[in-house]
Amino acid sequence: MKISAFNPLVLTSKGFKNAAGDKVTDTGSSKAALMVSPSGFAISLAEHIRK
């Protein structure tokens, strides 16, 4: 079983919102999402995928 560290739901449970709604940028070699807190602090989540 492969466990991915990329999980925007961890931050949404703390009040963060995805800047792109529910969309996650998936290029095939990476996934990315910009999460914004209620106070305006932004965190960019990224996972690089090795094939």
Protein backbone atom coordinates (compact mmCIF):
# COMPACT_ATOMS: atom_id res chain seq x y z
CA MET A 1 0.00 0.00 0.00
CA LYS A 2 1.40 3.39 -1.02
CA ILE A 3 0.75 6.26 1.39
CA SER A 4 0.80 9.77 -0.03
CA ALA A 5 1.74 12.76 2.10
CA PHE A 6 -0.21 15.04 -0.26
CA ASN A 7 -3.54 15.55 1.49
CA PRO A 8 -5.18 19.01 1.36
CA LEU A 9 -7.99 17.71 3.61
CA VAL A 10 -5.64 17.91 6.60
CA LEU A 11 -5.53 21.70 6.21
CA THR A 12 -9.23 22.12 5.33
CA SER A 13 -10.08 20.57 8.70
CA LYS A 14 -8.13 23.48 10.24
CA GLY A 15 -10.05 26.14 8.27
CA PHE A 16 -7.83 26.44 5.19
CA LYS A 17 -9.48 26.72 1.77
CA ASN A 18 -8.12 25.60 -1.57
CA ALA A 19 -7.56 28.72 -3.71
CA ALA A 20 -8.77 26.77 -6.79
CA GLY A 21 -11.90 25.36 -5.17
CA ASP A 22 -11.62 21.56 -5.05
CA LYS A 23 -9.17 21.35 -7.96
CA VAL A 24 -5.64 19.99 -7.58
CA THR A 25 -3.06 20.66 -10.28
CA ASP A 26 -1.88 17.27 -11.54
CA THR A 27 0.85 17.28 -14.19
CA GLY A 28 1.53 13.55 -14.08
CA SER A 29 4.90 14.06 -12.42
CA SER A 30 3.58 16.28 -9.60
CA LYS A 31 0.48 17.41 -7.74
CA ALA A 32 0.03 20.88 -6.26
CA ALA A 33 -2.56 22.92 -4.36
CA LEU A 34 -2.50 26.41 -2.85
CA MET A 35 -4.19 26.44 0.57
CA VAL A 36 -5.20 29.75 2.20
CA SER A 37 -6.00 30.19 5.89
CA PRO A 38 -8.88 32.35 7.20
CA SER A 39 -6.28 35.02 8.14
CA GLY A 40 -4.83 35.04 4.61
CA PHE A 41 -1.67 32.95 5.21
CA ALA A 42 -0.97 30.78 2.15
CA ILE A 43 0.70 27.37 2.00
CA SER A 44 1.63 25.70 -1.26
CA LEU A 45 1.42 21.90 -1.08
CA ALA A 46 3.41 19.93 -3.64
CA GLU A 47 4.16 16.26 -4.21
CA HIS A 48 6.72 15.23 -6.80
CA ILE A 49 6.06 11.80 -8.25
CA ARG A 50 8.92 9.63 -9.45
CA LYS A 51 8.02 7.06 -12.09
